[in-house]
Protein backbone atom coordinates (compact mmCIF):
# COMPACT_ATOMS: atom_id res chain seq x y z
CA VAL A 1 1.16 -4.81 13.01
CA THR A 2 2.86 -1.79 11.34
CA LEU A 3 0.83 1.53 11.86
CA VAL A 4 1.32 3.59 8.81
CA GLY A 5 0.12 6.94 9.46
CA VAL A 6 -1.64 8.57 6.40
CA THR A 7 -0.48 12.25 6.10
CA LYS A 8 -2.64 13.33 3.26
CA ASN A 9 -3.15 17.03 3.84
CA HIS A 10 -1.11 17.34 6.85
CA SER A 11 2.13 19.48 7.23
CA VAL A 12 5.72 18.69 7.65
CA ASP A 13 5.48 19.82 11.03
CA GLU A 14 2.40 17.79 11.88
CA ILE A 15 4.26 14.68 10.39
CA GLU A 16 7.28 15.37 12.56
CA ALA A 17 5.27 15.83 15.72
CA ALA A 18 3.72 12.33 15.12
CA LEU A 19 7.30 10.99 14.50
CA ASP A 20 8.46 12.48 17.94
CA CYS A 21 5.45 10.24 19.22
CA GLY A 22 6.95 7.06 17.95
CA LEU A 23 5.46 6.97 14.49
CA ALA A 24 7.89 5.24 12.06
CA ASP A 25 5.93 4.75 8.82
CA ILE A 26 3.98 7.41 6.96
CA GLY A 27 1.76 6.96 3.77
CA GLU A 28 0.89 9.51 1.14
CA ASN A 29 -1.99 9.10 -1.49
CA ARG A 30 -1.18 11.80 -4.03
CA VAL A 31 2.11 11.79 -5.88
CA GLN A 32 2.66 15.58 -6.14
CA GLU A 33 1.77 16.13 -2.28
CA ALA A 34 4.31 13.36 -1.65
CA GLN A 35 7.04 14.94 -3.73
CA ALA A 36 6.51 18.35 -2.24
CA LYS A 37 6.56 17.23 1.52
CA LEU A 38 8.60 13.98 1.83
CA PRO A 39 11.88 15.45 1.17
CA LEU A 40 11.40 17.91 3.73
CA ILE A 41 11.34 15.51 6.79
CA SER A 42 14.45 15.73 8.75
CA ARG A 43 14.67 12.28 10.10
CA PRO A 44 14.57 8.56 8.67
CA VAL A 45 11.05 7.21 8.15
CA ARG A 46 9.82 4.67 5.90
CA ARG A 47 7.78 6.24 3.16
CA HIS A 48 4.62 4.57 1.58
CA MET A 49 2.70 5.31 -1.55
CA ILE A 50 -0.58 4.22 -0.88
CA GLY A 51 -2.82 5.91 -3.32
CA HIS A 52 -3.45 5.18 -6.97
CA LEU A 53 -0.41 5.51 -8.94
CA GLN A 54 -0.51 6.27 -12.77
CA ARG A 55 2.09 5.02 -14.90
CA ASN A 56 3.29 8.57 -15.73
CA LYS A 57 4.14 9.18 -12.36
CA VAL A 58 6.34 6.26 -11.45
CA ARG A 59 9.36 8.22 -11.69
CA HIS A 60 8.12 10.78 -9.31
CA VAL A 61 7.04 8.24 -6.64
CA LEU A 62 10.40 6.57 -6.72
CA GLU A 63 12.41 9.61 -6.16
CA VAL A 64 10.58 9.70 -2.64
CA SER A 65 9.42 6.28 -1.86
CA ARG A 66 10.31 2.67 -2.37
CA ILE A 67 7.06 0.75 -0.95
CA ILE A 68 4.39 0.89 -3.11
CA HIS A 69 1.08 -0.52 -2.11
CA SER A 70 -1.15 0.10 -4.98
CA VAL A 71 0.18 -1.66 -7.89
CA ASP A 72 -2.98 -3.42 -9.95
CA SER A 73 -1.63 -4.19 -13.27
CA LEU A 74 1.12 -5.88 -15.19
CA ARG A 75 2.01 -2.88 -17.17
CA LEU A 76 2.53 -0.78 -14.05
CA ALA A 77 4.52 -3.48 -12.46
CA GLU A 78 6.90 -3.43 -15.42
CA ASP A 79 7.25 0.40 -15.71
CA ILE A 80 8.39 0.53 -11.91
CA ASN A 81 10.81 -2.38 -12.51
CA THR A 82 12.15 -0.44 -15.63
CA ARG A 83 12.43 2.69 -13.86
CA CYS A 84 13.95 0.89 -10.69
CA ASP A 85 16.75 -0.32 -13.31
CA ARG A 86 17.39 2.86 -14.37
CA MET A 87 17.62 4.17 -11.10
CA GLY A 88 20.00 1.54 -9.71
CA ILE A 89 17.39 0.61 -6.89
CA ARG A 90 14.81 -2.00 -6.06
CA ALA A 91 11.19 -1.15 -4.96
CA ASP A 92 9.01 -3.26 -2.65
CA ILE A 93 5.29 -3.40 -4.11
CA MET A 94 1.90 -4.72 -3.03
CA ILE A 95 -0.84 -5.78 -5.47
CA GLU A 96 -3.91 -3.99 -4.87
CA VAL A 97 -6.97 -6.44 -5.02
CA ASN A 98 -10.62 -5.14 -5.54
CA CYS A 99 -12.01 -7.61 -2.82
CA SER A 100 -15.33 -5.69 -2.85
CA ASN A 101 -15.93 -6.05 -6.65
CA GLU A 102 -16.91 -2.59 -7.07
CA PRO A 103 -16.31 -1.21 -10.72
CA GLN A 104 -15.39 2.20 -9.67
CA LYS A 105 -12.47 1.00 -7.23
CA HIS A 106 -8.89 0.35 -8.31
CA GLY A 107 -7.40 -2.82 -7.78
CA CYS A 108 -7.17 -6.15 -9.86
CA ALA A 109 -10.01 -8.62 -9.85
CA VAL A 110 -9.86 -11.22 -7.26
CA ALA A 111 -9.82 -13.91 -10.16
CA ALA A 112 -6.61 -12.26 -11.55
CA ALA A 113 -4.40 -11.64 -8.27
CA ALA A 114 -2.61 -14.90 -8.40
CA HIS A 115 -1.55 -14.75 -11.97
CA LEU A 116 -0.71 -11.31 -11.73
CA ALA A 117 1.54 -12.21 -8.66
CA GLU A 118 3.13 -14.79 -10.55
CA GLN A 119 4.21 -12.16 -13.39
CA VAL A 120 5.18 -9.67 -10.87
CA CYS A 121 7.51 -12.05 -9.50
CA THR A 122 9.63 -12.35 -12.82
CA LEU A 123 10.57 -8.87 -12.70
CA PRO A 124 14.21 -8.50 -11.23
CA GLN A 125 13.95 -4.99 -10.00
CA VAL A 126 10.85 -5.28 -7.66
CA ARG A 127 10.04 -7.31 -4.92
CA LEU A 128 6.41 -8.73 -3.99
CA VAL A 129 6.14 -8.21 -0.59
CA GLY A 130 2.30 -8.19 0.07
CA LEU A 131 -1.51 -7.71 -0.86
CA MET A 132 -3.44 -4.53 -0.50
CA THR A 133 -7.29 -3.93 -0.51
CA MET A 134 -9.87 -1.24 0.57
CA ALA A 135 -13.09 -1.90 2.01
CA SER A 136 -16.14 -0.01 0.55
CA LEU A 137 -16.25 3.66 1.50
CA GLY A 138 -19.04 4.35 4.21
CA GLU A 139 -19.34 0.67 5.13
CA GLN A 140 -19.37 -0.13 9.09
CA ALA A 141 -16.45 -1.93 10.32
CA GLU A 142 -18.15 -5.28 10.54
CA GLN A 143 -19.22 -4.93 6.85
CA ALA A 144 -15.83 -4.62 5.72
CA ARG A 145 -14.84 -7.98 7.11
CA ALA A 146 -15.71 -10.00 4.06
CA ALA A 147 -13.22 -8.11 2.03
CA PHE A 148 -10.45 -8.38 4.37
CA ALA A 149 -11.22 -12.03 4.92
CA ARG A 150 -11.21 -12.65 0.98
CA LEU A 151 -7.81 -10.89 0.94
CA ARG A 152 -6.36 -13.12 3.51
CA GLU A 153 -7.65 -16.34 1.68
CA ILE A 154 -5.93 -15.21 -1.57
CA PHE A 155 -2.97 -14.31 0.45
CA ASP A 156 -2.85 -17.70 2.09
CA GLU A 157 -3.15 -19.33 -1.26
CA MET A 158 -0.32 -17.59 -2.56
CA ARG A 159 1.74 -18.44 0.40
CA HIS A 160 0.93 -22.16 -0.01
CA HIS A 161 2.05 -22.21 -3.62
CA HIS A 162 5.06 -20.32 -2.91
CA VAL A 163 4.39 -17.19 -4.78
CA GLY A 164 7.00 -14.47 -3.97
CA ASP A 165 8.48 -16.82 -1.28
CA ALA A 166 9.45 -15.46 2.05
CA HIS A 167 9.26 -11.83 0.80
CA LEU A 168 5.16 -12.29 0.61
CA ALA A 169 4.49 -11.24 4.20
CA HIS A 170 2.08 -8.54 4.37
CA LEU A 171 -1.44 -7.55 4.30
CA SER A 172 -2.20 -3.84 3.87
CA MET A 173 -5.74 -3.57 4.90
CA GLY A 174 -7.79 -1.55 7.35
CA MET A 175 -8.28 2.18 7.91
CA SER A 176 -9.19 4.30 10.86
CA GLY A 177 -12.72 3.08 10.65
CA ASP A 178 -12.37 -0.58 10.60
CA PHE A 179 -8.63 -1.40 11.31
CA GLY A 180 -9.61 -3.33 14.24
CA VAL A 181 -11.74 -5.85 12.08
CA ALA A 182 -8.87 -5.73 9.55
CA ILE A 183 -6.21 -6.74 12.44
CA GLU A 184 -8.45 -9.62 13.42
CA GLU A 185 -8.50 -10.84 9.72
CA GLY A 186 -4.64 -10.71 9.52
CA ALA A 187 -3.52 -7.19 8.74
CA THR A 188 0.01 -6.71 9.01
CA MET A 189 -0.20 -3.07 7.94
CA VAL A 190 -3.09 -0.56 8.76
CA ARG A 191 -3.48 2.93 7.00
CA ILE A 192 -4.71 5.29 9.90
CA GLY A 193 -5.27 9.02 8.87
CA THR A 194 -8.32 10.55 11.02
CA ALA A 195 -7.59 8.55 13.80
CA LEU A 196 -4.19 9.79 14.23
CA PHE A 197 -4.42 13.41 12.81
CA GLU A 198 -7.18 16.06 12.99
CA GLU A 199 -9.56 15.70 9.91
CA ARG A 200 -8.30 18.02 7.29
CA GLY A 201 -9.49 18.91 3.70
């Protein structure tokens, strides 16, 4: 399981202290903050964009990160593909699925996930590497289990039908309050902020 340290509202010094302790992956929620901080980190680290991504921010994200967890539409995936082509790069992306069926949440509908994945796999400059979901805010860890289990079912179905082939390998799910349950349900990446860093802002 890969630990992605969520560094929202934390300084470069704090991030580098975590890297000194062995953290190898960091995740940012906001494009503007990622632009400001990530270029200042002085050592190799895998950089993930884990927050909601607007289409007009794609270029800015790709300047600081090549791993995007929060792709929830074909139009966004196409914009990432086009921008990657112009920059001469490839990006690894995950499809965000709204497994809790909350209208205020980002993410594609559960019923649309497989079709979206098939469409994304036709884009040459992006590589579909996994799926992501978020549990409902304020839920207890055990209450989050159903959403995580649902994402795992979708993932297994895609793997059964060879969607994404060997590249489809990751389930990004679980945060500070529920990562144990997420791991039990098959998470390969957990996004941990407050359990690693002092809560801020």
